[in-house]
Amino acid sequence: MTDLQRVASFYDPEEAHVACGFLNANGIDATVFDADTLTALPSYRVALGGIRIVAPAEQVEDARNLLEMIQGGEAKRKGYKIEGVRCPACGNTEFTRVKPWFFPFLIYFSTGVPIWWNSKRLRCTNCGAITDQQAEQAE
């Protein structure tokens, strides 16, 4: 039997289960310990050190690196490189689409019909500037 070691501790059971699921999805055989006890007795969470995530000893370092990557913000979604469009503020070529919410929300509550459409506005992933430039169409 492999030796299990603590990877991380969380005070919220939901956060512990999400982190464990993330580790499992990335090939780490992680397990949540003490979740049942500390969910039933939430006042014991601090006294017992929180809800633990454990993994086999040979996977602990990889699991900690994955969790640090997420907590450090390195796993944030990058934008899409759109050819022919540059950010007017910084010159970056990676963008995400700006999703409209007001008009779909208004139409839904006035008619009861849920609709959604894609915006042609782009947000720069580097500086956050919004542009209405369109990608050049390849012919």
Protein backbone atom coordinates (compact mmCIF):
# COMPACT_ATOMS: atom_id res chain seq x y z
CA MET A 1 0.00 0.00 0.00
CA THR A 2 1.29 3.45 -0.88
CA ASP A 3 2.00 6.02 1.79
CA LEU A 4 -0.45 8.94 1.67
CA GLN A 5 0.79 12.44 2.46
CA ARG A 6 -1.02 15.74 2.90
CA VAL A 7 -1.08 17.94 -0.19
CA ALA A 8 -3.19 20.83 1.12
CA SER A 9 -5.81 21.78 3.71
CA PHE A 10 -8.98 23.78 3.17
CA TYR A 11 -11.57 25.14 5.59
CA ASP A 12 -14.43 24.92 3.08
CA PRO A 13 -15.52 21.42 2.02
CA GLU A 14 -16.62 22.73 -1.38
CA GLU A 15 -13.19 24.19 -2.08
CA ALA A 16 -11.53 20.95 -0.98
CA HIS A 17 -13.70 18.86 -3.31
CA VAL A 18 -13.10 21.20 -6.25
CA ALA A 19 -9.34 21.11 -5.66
CA CYS A 20 -9.41 17.32 -5.35
CA GLY A 21 -11.40 17.05 -8.57
CA PHE A 22 -8.89 19.28 -10.33
CA LEU A 23 -6.03 17.10 -9.13
CA ASN A 24 -7.87 13.93 -10.21
CA ALA A 25 -8.50 15.44 -13.65
CA ASN A 26 -4.76 16.07 -13.96
CA GLY A 27 -3.80 12.49 -13.15
CA ILE A 28 -3.13 12.81 -9.41
CA ASP A 29 -4.76 10.11 -7.23
CA ALA A 30 -5.92 12.61 -4.59
CA THR A 31 -8.52 11.93 -1.90
CA VAL A 32 -10.40 14.24 0.46
CA PHE A 33 -10.01 13.33 4.15
CA ASP A 34 -12.11 14.54 7.12
CA ALA A 35 -14.78 16.13 4.91
CA ASP A 36 -17.66 14.23 6.52
CA THR A 37 -16.61 14.99 10.08
CA LEU A 38 -15.83 18.64 9.47
CA THR A 39 -18.99 19.21 7.45
CA ALA A 40 -21.08 17.84 10.32
CA LEU A 41 -19.03 19.71 12.94
CA PRO A 42 -17.93 22.97 11.31
CA SER A 43 -16.67 24.42 14.58
CA TYR A 44 -13.92 21.76 14.58
CA ARG A 45 -12.46 22.84 11.23
CA VAL A 46 -9.79 25.08 12.70
CA ALA A 47 -9.02 22.75 15.61
CA LEU A 48 -8.41 19.76 13.33
CA GLY A 49 -6.47 21.72 10.72
CA GLY A 50 -9.10 21.83 8.02
CA ILE A 51 -10.20 19.35 5.41
CA ARG A 52 -7.14 17.57 4.06
CA ILE A 53 -6.36 16.50 0.53
CA VAL A 54 -3.95 13.57 0.49
CA ALA A 55 -2.13 11.84 -2.36
CA PRO A 56 0.45 9.07 -2.76
CA ALA A 57 3.92 10.19 -1.69
CA GLU A 58 5.34 10.07 -5.22
CA GLN A 59 2.62 12.44 -6.51
CA VAL A 60 2.63 15.00 -3.68
CA GLU A 61 5.13 17.38 -5.26
CA ASP A 62 3.26 17.42 -8.59
CA ALA A 63 -0.05 17.97 -6.78
CA ARG A 64 1.32 20.91 -4.80
CA ASN A 65 2.76 22.45 -7.97
CA LEU A 66 -0.63 22.17 -9.70
CA LEU A 67 -2.43 23.83 -6.78
CA GLU A 68 0.19 26.60 -6.55
CA MET A 69 -0.21 27.24 -10.26
CA ILE A 70 -3.94 27.82 -9.80
CA GLN A 71 -3.61 29.93 -6.67
CA GLY A 72 -0.92 32.05 -8.33
CA GLY A 73 -3.23 32.83 -11.24
CA GLU A 74 -1.07 31.16 -13.89
CA ALA A 75 -3.93 28.98 -15.04
CA LYS A 76 -6.12 31.88 -16.14
CA ARG A 77 -7.50 31.47 -19.60
CA LYS A 78 -5.48 33.08 -22.33
CA GLY A 79 -7.15 34.79 -25.21
CA TYR A 80 -7.27 33.71 -28.79
CA LYS A 81 -4.74 35.01 -31.27
CA ILE A 82 -6.69 36.84 -33.95
CA GLU A 83 -4.76 37.55 -37.13
CA GLY A 84 -5.01 41.06 -38.51
CA VAL A 85 -6.17 42.67 -35.25
CA ARG A 86 -3.90 44.53 -32.85
CA CYS A 87 -4.80 46.19 -29.57
CA PRO A 88 -4.79 49.98 -30.09
CA ALA A 89 -3.37 50.51 -26.59
CA CYS A 90 -0.56 47.93 -26.32
CA GLY A 91 -0.26 46.17 -29.70
CA ASN A 92 -1.14 42.71 -28.33
CA THR A 93 -2.77 40.18 -30.69
CA GLU A 94 -4.57 37.97 -28.13
CA PHE A 95 -8.19 38.78 -27.37
CA THR A 96 -11.31 37.41 -25.74
CA ARG A 97 -14.81 38.24 -26.91
CA VAL A 98 -16.83 40.75 -24.91
CA LYS A 99 -20.10 39.02 -24.11
CA PRO A 100 -23.20 41.22 -24.14
CA TRP A 101 -25.52 40.71 -21.21
CA PHE A 102 -27.90 43.68 -20.96
CA PHE A 103 -30.00 43.22 -24.11
CA PRO A 104 -30.27 39.41 -23.84
CA PHE A 105 -31.31 39.92 -20.20
CA LEU A 106 -33.86 42.59 -21.16
CA ILE A 107 -35.33 40.51 -23.99
CA TYR A 108 -35.54 37.43 -21.79
CA PHE A 109 -37.48 39.21 -19.04
CA SER A 110 -39.75 41.10 -21.44
CA THR A 111 -40.62 38.19 -23.76
CA GLY A 112 -39.60 35.07 -21.85
CA VAL A 113 -37.48 33.93 -24.80
CA PRO A 114 -33.85 33.25 -23.96
CA ILE A 115 -31.57 34.48 -26.72
CA TRP A 116 -27.87 35.04 -26.98
CA TRP A 117 -25.59 36.36 -29.66
CA ASN A 118 -21.88 36.71 -30.08
CA SER A 119 -20.41 40.16 -29.86
CA LYS A 120 -17.89 41.42 -32.36
CA ARG A 121 -16.18 43.49 -29.67
CA LEU A 122 -12.82 42.21 -28.46
CA ARG A 123 -11.06 42.64 -25.11
CA CYS A 124 -7.24 42.60 -25.00
CA THR A 125 -5.87 39.96 -22.62
CA ASN A 126 -2.82 42.09 -21.85
CA CYS A 127 -4.24 45.50 -20.94
CA GLY A 128 -8.03 44.96 -20.95
CA ALA A 129 -8.75 47.56 -23.63
CA ILE A 130 -11.88 46.96 -25.69
CA THR A 131 -11.79 47.35 -29.46
CA ASP A 132 -14.33 47.03 -32.25
CA GLN A 133 -11.73 46.07 -34.88
CA GLN A 134 -12.60 43.14 -37.08
CA ALA A 135 -10.25 40.45 -38.24
CA GLU A 136 -9.20 40.69 -41.87
CA GLN A 137 -11.06 38.17 -43.94
CA ALA A 138 -8.76 35.81 -45.83
CA GLU A 139 -9.85 35.40 -49.42
